[in-house]
Amino acid sequence: MYRDSSHEGFASMIMNDIIERKYSLAFASFVLSLLAVNPLKRPTATVAMQYFLVQENEIVFDMMSSFFSNVLDL
């Protein structure tokens, strides 16, 4: 998969696959950010965990975080 990630259209293929499975654009974008080959463009585990909240005993995306507010502006 690492070699595949450098091919043109990899991100689109992953994005489409995730969205076809009825996941949100925010989730698909989050997954793609974790798959970034360049570690400088990939969030650290600590940063990635800041994108979540616990609400009513469930872990949910914090849609007010900078990552998701940027995604939702697309």
PDB file of N, CA and C in Angstrom:
ATOM      1  N   MET A   1       0.826  -1.194   0.000  1.00  0.00           N
ATOM      2  CA  MET A   1       0.000   0.000   0.000  1.00  0.00           C
ATOM      3  C   MET A   1       0.870   1.259   0.000  1.00  0.00           C
ATOM      4  N   TYR A   2       2.051   1.186   0.629  1.00  0.00           N
ATOM      5  CA  TYR A   2       2.920   2.359   0.675  1.00  0.00           C
ATOM      6  C   TYR A   2       3.258   2.835  -0.731  1.00  0.00           C
ATOM      7  N   ARG A   3       3.609   1.900  -1.613  1.00  0.00           N
ATOM      8  CA  ARG A   3       3.927   2.286  -2.993  1.00  0.00           C
ATOM      9  C   ARG A   3       2.699   2.853  -3.690  1.00  0.00           C
ATOM     10  N   ASP A   4       1.537   2.300  -3.409  1.00  0.00           N
ATOM     11  CA  ASP A   4       0.301   2.777  -4.029  1.00  0.00           C
ATOM     12  C   ASP A   4       0.011   4.225  -3.653  1.00  0.00           C
ATOM     13  N   SER A   5       0.390   4.612  -2.455  1.00  0.00           N
ATOM     14  CA  SER A   5       0.055   5.950  -1.976  1.00  0.00           C
ATOM     15  C   SER A   5       0.713   7.054  -2.788  1.00  0.00           C
ATOM     16  N   SER A   6       1.773   6.739  -3.503  1.00  0.00           N
ATOM     17  CA  SER A   6       2.431   7.764  -4.308  1.00  0.00           C
ATOM     18  C   SER A   6       1.852   7.871  -5.718  1.00  0.00           C
ATOM     19  N   HIS A   7       0.962   6.972  -6.082  1.00  0.00           N
ATOM     20  CA  HIS A   7       0.351   7.013  -7.412  1.00  0.00           C
ATOM     21  C   HIS A   7      -0.733   8.084  -7.482  1.00  0.00           C
ATOM     22  N   GLU A   8      -0.840   8.687  -8.642  1.00  0.00           N
ATOM     23  CA  GLU A   8      -1.880   9.685  -8.864  1.00  0.00           C
ATOM     24  C   GLU A   8      -3.248   9.029  -8.686  1.00  0.00           C
ATOM     25  N   GLY A   9      -4.122   9.675  -7.986  1.00  0.00           N
ATOM     26  CA  GLY A   9      -5.468   9.167  -7.785  1.00  0.00           C
ATOM     27  C   GLY A   9      -5.639   8.319  -6.539  1.00  0.00           C
ATOM     28  N   PHE A  10      -4.556   8.074  -5.790  1.00  0.00           N
ATOM     29  CA  PHE A  10      -4.656   7.251  -4.582  1.00  0.00           C
ATOM     30  C   PHE A  10      -5.632   7.861  -3.586  1.00  0.00           C
ATOM     31  N   ALA A  11      -5.470   9.151  -3.304  1.00  0.00           N
ATOM     32  CA  ALA A  11      -6.333   9.817  -2.332  1.00  0.00           C
ATOM     33  C   ALA A  11      -7.787   9.773  -2.780  1.00  0.00           C
ATOM     34  N   SER A  12      -8.034   9.993  -4.061  1.00  0.00           N
ATOM     35  CA  SER A  12      -9.409   9.951  -4.578  1.00  0.00           C
ATOM     36  C   SER A  12     -10.002   8.561  -4.434  1.00  0.00           C
ATOM     37  N   MET A  13      -9.200   7.538  -4.714  1.00  0.00           N
ATOM     38  CA  MET A  13      -9.674   6.164  -4.602  1.00  0.00           C
ATOM     39  C   MET A  13     -10.066   5.845  -3.153  1.00  0.00           C
ATOM     40  N   ILE A  14      -9.210   6.221  -2.209  1.00  0.00           N
ATOM     41  CA  ILE A  14      -9.498   5.968  -0.797  1.00  0.00           C
ATOM     42  C   ILE A  14     -10.720   6.770  -0.359  1.00  0.00           C
ATOM     43  N   MET A  15     -10.761   8.045  -0.740  1.00  0.00           N
ATOM     44  CA  MET A  15     -11.889   8.912  -0.373  1.00  0.00           C
ATOM     45  C   MET A  15     -13.200   8.338  -0.898  1.00  0.00           C
ATOM     46  N   ASN A  16     -13.225   7.964  -2.159  1.00  0.00           N
ATOM     47  CA  ASN A  16     -14.446   7.411  -2.750  1.00  0.00           C
ATOM     48  C   ASN A  16     -14.862   6.113  -2.078  1.00  0.00           C
ATOM     49  N   ASP A  17     -13.900   5.256  -1.767  1.00  0.00           N
ATOM     50  CA  ASP A  17     -14.209   3.985  -1.117  1.00  0.00           C
ATOM     51  C   ASP A  17     -14.838   4.211   0.254  1.00  0.00           C
ATOM     52  N   ILE A  18     -14.285   5.138   1.013  1.00  0.00           N
ATOM     53  CA  ILE A  18     -14.818   5.416   2.350  1.00  0.00           C
ATOM     54  C   ILE A  18     -16.212   6.023   2.253  1.00  0.00           C
ATOM     55  N   ILE A  19     -16.401   6.971   1.348  1.00  0.00           N
ATOM     56  CA  ILE A  19     -17.704   7.627   1.211  1.00  0.00           C
ATOM     57  C   ILE A  19     -18.756   6.656   0.678  1.00  0.00           C
ATOM     58  N   GLU A  20     -18.369   5.764  -0.235  1.00  0.00           N
ATOM     59  CA  GLU A  20     -19.312   4.751  -0.734  1.00  0.00           C
ATOM     60  C   GLU A  20     -19.812   3.854   0.390  1.00  0.00           C
ATOM     61  N   ARG A  21     -19.020   3.704   1.422  1.00  0.00           N
ATOM     62  CA  ARG A  21     -19.407   2.876   2.568  1.00  0.00           C
ATOM     63  C   ARG A  21     -20.218   3.675   3.589  1.00  0.00           C
ATOM     64  N   LYS A  22     -20.649   4.863   3.173  1.00  0.00           N
ATOM     65  CA  LYS A  22     -21.558   5.726   3.936  1.00  0.00           C
ATOM     66  C   LYS A  22     -20.914   6.417   5.140  1.00  0.00           C
ATOM     67  N   TYR A  23     -19.582   6.557   5.111  1.00  0.00           N
ATOM     68  CA  TYR A  23     -18.923   7.347   6.141  1.00  0.00           C
ATOM     69  C   TYR A  23     -18.911   8.804   5.690  1.00  0.00           C
ATOM     70  N   SER A  24     -18.726   9.699   6.631  1.00  0.00           N
ATOM     71  CA  SER A  24     -18.782  11.129   6.324  1.00  0.00           C
ATOM     72  C   SER A  24     -17.517  11.616   5.620  1.00  0.00           C
ATOM     73  N   LEU A  25     -17.649  12.772   4.996  1.00  0.00           N
ATOM     74  CA  LEU A  25     -16.506  13.439   4.378  1.00  0.00           C
ATOM     75  C   LEU A  25     -15.452  13.755   5.437  1.00  0.00           C
ATOM     76  N   ALA A  26     -15.889  14.151   6.614  1.00  0.00           N
ATOM     77  CA  ALA A  26     -14.951  14.457   7.693  1.00  0.00           C
ATOM     78  C   ALA A  26     -14.134  13.225   8.064  1.00  0.00           C
ATOM     79  N   PHE A  27     -14.793  12.071   8.188  1.00  0.00           N
ATOM     80  CA  PHE A  27     -14.076  10.839   8.523  1.00  0.00           C
ATOM     81  C   PHE A  27     -13.109  10.452   7.409  1.00  0.00           C
ATOM     82  N   ALA A  28     -13.562  10.538   6.172  1.00  0.00           N
ATOM     83  CA  ALA A  28     -12.706  10.189   5.033  1.00  0.00           C
ATOM     84  C   ALA A  28     -11.473  11.090   4.998  1.00  0.00           C
ATOM     85  N   SER A  29     -11.652  12.363   5.240  1.00  0.00           N
ATOM     86  CA  SER A  29     -10.530  13.299   5.247  1.00  0.00           C
ATOM     87  C   SER A  29      -9.569  12.999   6.393  1.00  0.00           C
ATOM     88  N   PHE A  30     -10.124  12.617   7.531  1.00  0.00           N
ATOM     89  CA  PHE A  30      -9.295  12.254   8.679  1.00  0.00           C
ATOM     90  C   PHE A  30      -8.432  11.037   8.348  1.00  0.00           C
ATOM     91  N   VAL A  31      -9.026  10.015   7.753  1.00  0.00           N
ATOM     92  CA  VAL A  31      -8.278   8.813   7.371  1.00  0.00           C
ATOM     93  C   VAL A  31      -7.168   9.178   6.389  1.00  0.00           C
ATOM     94  N   LEU A  32      -7.493   9.984   5.392  1.00  0.00           N
ATOM     95  CA  LEU A  32      -6.471  10.389   4.416  1.00  0.00           C
ATOM     96  C   LEU A  32      -5.327  11.156   5.079  1.00  0.00           C
ATOM     97  N   SER A  33      -5.646  11.975   6.060  1.00  0.00           N
ATOM     98  CA  SER A  33      -4.582  12.719   6.740  1.00  0.00           C
ATOM     99  C   SER A  33      -3.639  11.765   7.468  1.00  0.00           C
ATOM    100  N   LEU A  34      -4.176  10.661   7.986  1.00  0.00           N
ATOM    101  CA  LEU A  34      -3.344   9.671   8.676  1.00  0.00           C
ATOM    102  C   LEU A  34      -2.495   8.855   7.710  1.00  0.00           C
ATOM    103  N   LEU A  35      -2.899   8.802   6.448  1.00  0.00           N
ATOM    104  CA  LEU A  35      -2.178   8.027   5.440  1.00  0.00           C
ATOM    105  C   LEU A  35      -1.150   8.850   4.667  1.00  0.00           C
ATOM    106  N   ALA A  36      -0.985  10.105   5.027  1.00  0.00           N
ATOM    107  CA  ALA A  36      -0.013  10.956   4.328  1.00  0.00           C
ATOM    108  C   ALA A  36       1.379  10.341   4.421  1.00  0.00           C
ATOM    109  N   VAL A  37       2.048  10.226   3.288  1.00  0.00           N
ATOM    110  CA  VAL A  37       3.387   9.634   3.251  1.00  0.00           C
ATOM    111  C   VAL A  37       4.393  10.527   3.967  1.00  0.00           C
ATOM    112  N   ASN A  38       4.309  11.815   3.732  1.00  0.00           N
ATOM    113  CA  ASN A  38       5.226  12.768   4.353  1.00  0.00           C
ATOM    114  C   ASN A  38       4.836  12.951   5.822  1.00  0.00           C
ATOM    115  N   PRO A  39       5.701  12.550   6.754  1.00  0.00           N
ATOM    116  CA  PRO A  39       5.350  12.659   8.169  1.00  0.00           C
ATOM    117  C   PRO A  39       5.106  14.093   8.629  1.00  0.00           C
ATOM    118  N   LEU A  40       5.651  15.069   7.921  1.00  0.00           N
ATOM    119  CA  LEU A  40       5.409  16.465   8.288  1.00  0.00           C
ATOM    120  C   LEU A  40       3.986  16.897   7.960  1.00  0.00           C
ATOM    121  N   LYS A  41       3.323  16.175   7.061  1.00  0.00           N
ATOM    122  CA  LYS A  41       1.941  16.487   6.687  1.00  0.00           C
ATOM    123  C   LYS A  41       0.939  15.601   7.421  1.00  0.00           C
ATOM    124  N   ARG A  42       1.440  14.651   8.193  1.00  0.00           N
ATOM    125  CA  ARG A  42       0.597  13.688   8.904  1.00  0.00           C
ATOM    126  C   ARG A  42       0.481  14.126  10.359  1.00  0.00           C
ATOM    127  N   PRO A  43      -0.731  14.101  10.939  1.00  0.00           N
ATOM    128  CA  PRO A  43      -0.848  14.483  12.352  1.00  0.00           C
ATOM    129  C   PRO A  43      -0.193  13.430  13.248  1.00  0.00           C
ATOM    130  N   THR A  44       0.391  13.889  14.328  1.00  0.00           N
ATOM    131  CA  THR A  44       0.914  12.951  15.318  1.00  0.00           C
ATOM    132  C   THR A  44      -0.272  12.302  16.027  1.00  0.00           C
ATOM    133  N   ALA A  45      -0.022  11.239  16.747  1.00  0.00           N
ATOM    134  CA  ALA A  45      -1.094  10.580  17.499  1.00  0.00           C
ATOM    135  C   ALA A  45      -1.709  11.545  18.505  1.00  0.00           C
ATOM    136  N   THR A  46      -0.866  12.335  19.145  1.00  0.00           N
ATOM    137  CA  THR A  46      -1.360  13.302  20.133  1.00  0.00           C
ATOM    138  C   THR A  46      -2.285  14.322  19.483  1.00  0.00           C
ATOM    139  N   VAL A  47      -1.888  14.839  18.340  1.00  0.00           N
ATOM    140  CA  VAL A  47      -2.718  15.822  17.628  1.00  0.00           C
ATOM    141  C   VAL A  47      -4.000  15.165  17.132  1.00  0.00           C
ATOM    142  N   ALA A  48      -3.898  13.971  16.565  1.00  0.00           N
ATOM    143  CA  ALA A  48      -5.082  13.280  16.045  1.00  0.00           C
ATOM    144  C   ALA A  48      -6.111  13.041  17.148  1.00  0.00           C
ATOM    145  N   MET A  49      -5.652  12.737  18.343  1.00  0.00           N
ATOM    146  CA  MET A  49      -6.587  12.494  19.447  1.00  0.00           C
ATOM    147  C   MET A  49      -7.317  13.765  19.870  1.00  0.00           C
ATOM    148  N   GLN A  50      -6.766  14.916  19.544  1.00  0.00           N
ATOM    149  CA  GLN A  50      -7.424  16.178  19.889  1.00  0.00           C
ATOM    150  C   GLN A  50      -8.639  16.444  19.005  1.00  0.00           C
ATOM    151  N   TYR A  51      -8.839  15.643  17.985  1.00  0.00           N
ATOM    152  CA  TYR A  51      -9.978  15.804  17.081  1.00  0.00           C
ATOM    153  C   TYR A  51     -11.227  15.089  17.590  1.00  0.00           C
ATOM    154  N   PHE A  52     -11.136  14.506  18.788  1.00  0.00           N
ATOM    155  CA  PHE A  52     -12.244  13.724  19.327  1.00  0.00           C
ATOM    156  C   PHE A  52     -12.706  14.263  20.673  1.00  0.00           C
ATOM    157  N   LEU A  53     -13.964  13.973  20.994  1.00  0.00           N
ATOM    158  CA  LEU A  53     -14.578  14.305  22.278  1.00  0.00           C
ATOM    159  C   LEU A  53     -15.319  13.076  22.790  1.00  0.00           C
ATOM    160  N   VAL A  54     -15.590  13.054  24.081  1.00  0.00           N
ATOM    161  CA  VAL A  54     -16.474  12.037  24.643  1.00  0.00           C
ATOM    162  C   VAL A  54     -17.776  12.746  24.976  1.00  0.00           C
ATOM    163  N   GLN A  55     -18.858  12.310  24.333  1.00  0.00           N
ATOM    164  CA  GLN A  55     -20.188  12.880  24.578  1.00  0.00           C
ATOM    165  C   GLN A  55     -21.148  11.744  24.866  1.00  0.00           C
ATOM    166  N   GLU A  56     -21.822  11.839  25.982  1.00  0.00           N
ATOM    167  CA  GLU A  56     -22.810  10.828  26.351  1.00  0.00           C
ATOM    168  C   GLU A  56     -22.240   9.420  26.198  1.00  0.00           C
ATOM    169  N   ASN A  57     -21.044   9.213  26.752  1.00  0.00           N
ATOM    170  CA  ASN A  57     -20.352   7.916  26.746  1.00  0.00           C
ATOM    171  C   ASN A  57     -19.994   7.414  25.356  1.00  0.00           C
ATOM    172  N   GLU A  58     -19.935   8.294  24.376  1.00  0.00           N
ATOM    173  CA  GLU A  58     -19.512   7.923  23.024  1.00  0.00           C
ATOM    174  C   GLU A  58     -18.355   8.813  22.602  1.00  0.00           C
ATOM    175  N   ILE A  59     -17.449   8.239  21.830  1.00  0.00           N
ATOM    176  CA  ILE A  59     -16.351   9.022  21.266  1.00  0.00           C
ATOM    177  C   ILE A  59     -16.814   9.543  19.912  1.00  0.00           C
ATOM    178  N   VAL A  60     -16.768  10.857  19.756  1.00  0.00           N
ATOM    179  CA  VAL A  60     -17.223  11.489  18.516  1.00  0.00           C
ATOM    180  C   VAL A  60     -16.165  12.488  18.048  1.00  0.00           C
ATOM    181  N   PHE A  61     -16.225  12.832  16.766  1.00  0.00           N
ATOM    182  CA  PHE A  61     -15.338  13.862  16.245  1.00  0.00           C
ATOM    183  C   PHE A  61     -15.706  15.203  16.859  1.00  0.00           C
ATOM    184  N   ASP A  62     -14.701  15.990  17.183  1.00  0.00           N
ATOM    185  CA  ASP A  62     -14.911  17.359  17.635  1.00  0.00           C
ATOM    186  C   ASP A  62     -14.975  18.234  16.391  1.00  0.00           C
ATOM    187  N   MET A  63     -16.167  18.481  15.913  1.00  0.00           N
ATOM    188  CA  MET A  63     -16.343  19.227  14.673  1.00  0.00           C
ATOM    189  C   MET A  63     -15.915  20.683  14.810  1.00  0.00           C
ATOM    190  N   MET A  64     -15.612  21.117  16.025  1.00  0.00           N
ATOM    191  CA  MET A  64     -15.120  22.479  16.230  1.00  0.00           C
ATOM    192  C   MET A  64     -13.593  22.542  16.165  1.00  0.00           C
ATOM    193  N   SER A  65     -12.937  21.386  16.067  1.00  0.00           N
ATOM    194  CA  SER A  65     -11.471  21.394  15.980  1.00  0.00           C
ATOM    195  C   SER A  65     -11.053  22.013  14.650  1.00  0.00           C
ATOM    196  N   SER A  66      -9.841  22.506  14.615  1.00  0.00           N
ATOM    197  CA  SER A  66      -9.367  23.177  13.400  1.00  0.00           C
ATOM    198  C   SER A  66      -9.366  22.238  12.199  1.00  0.00           C
ATOM    199  N   PHE A  67      -9.058  20.970  12.404  1.00  0.00           N
ATOM    200  CA  PHE A  67      -9.035  20.021  11.289  1.00  0.00           C
ATOM    201  C   PHE A  67     -10.402  19.925  10.633  1.00  0.00           C
ATOM    202  N   PHE A  68     -11.433  19.699  11.411  1.00  0.00           N
ATOM    203  CA  PHE A  68     -12.753  19.498  10.833  1.00  0.00           C
ATOM    204  C   PHE A  68     -13.392  20.786  10.357  1.00  0.00           C
ATOM    205  N   SER A  69     -13.096  21.887  10.988  1.00  0.00           N
ATOM    206  CA  SER A  69     -13.666  23.140  10.484  1.00  0.00           C
ATOM    207  C   SER A  69     -13.102  23.444   9.102  1.00  0.00           C
ATOM    208  N   ASN A  70     -11.844  23.092   8.852  1.00  0.00           N
ATOM    209  CA  ASN A  70     -11.262  23.284   7.521  1.00  0.00           C
ATOM    210  C   ASN A  70     -11.874  22.327   6.512  1.00  0.00           C
ATOM    211  N   VAL A  71     -12.108  21.090   6.897  1.00  0.00           N
ATOM    212  CA  VAL A  71     -12.704  20.097   5.999  1.00  0.00           C
ATOM    213  C   VAL A  71     -14.118  20.508   5.621  1.00  0.00           C
ATOM    214  N   LEU A  72     -14.869  20.983   6.584  1.00  0.00           N
ATOM    215  CA  LEU A  72     -16.265  21.319   6.326  1.00  0.00           C
ATOM    216  C   LEU A  72     -16.407  22.570   5.476  1.00  0.00           C
ATOM    217  N   ASP A  73     -15.332  23.341   5.328  1.00  0.00           N
ATOM    218  CA  ASP A  73     -15.363  24.523   4.468  1.00  0.00           C
ATOM    219  C   ASP A  73     -15.176  24.178   2.997  1.00  0.00           C
ATOM    220  N   LEU A  74     -14.885  22.918   2.676  1.00  0.00           N
ATOM    221  CA  LEU A  74     -14.647  22.523   1.281  1.00  0.00           C
ATOM    222  C   LEU A  74     -15.866  22.754   0.421  1.00  0.00           C
TER     223      LEU A  74
END
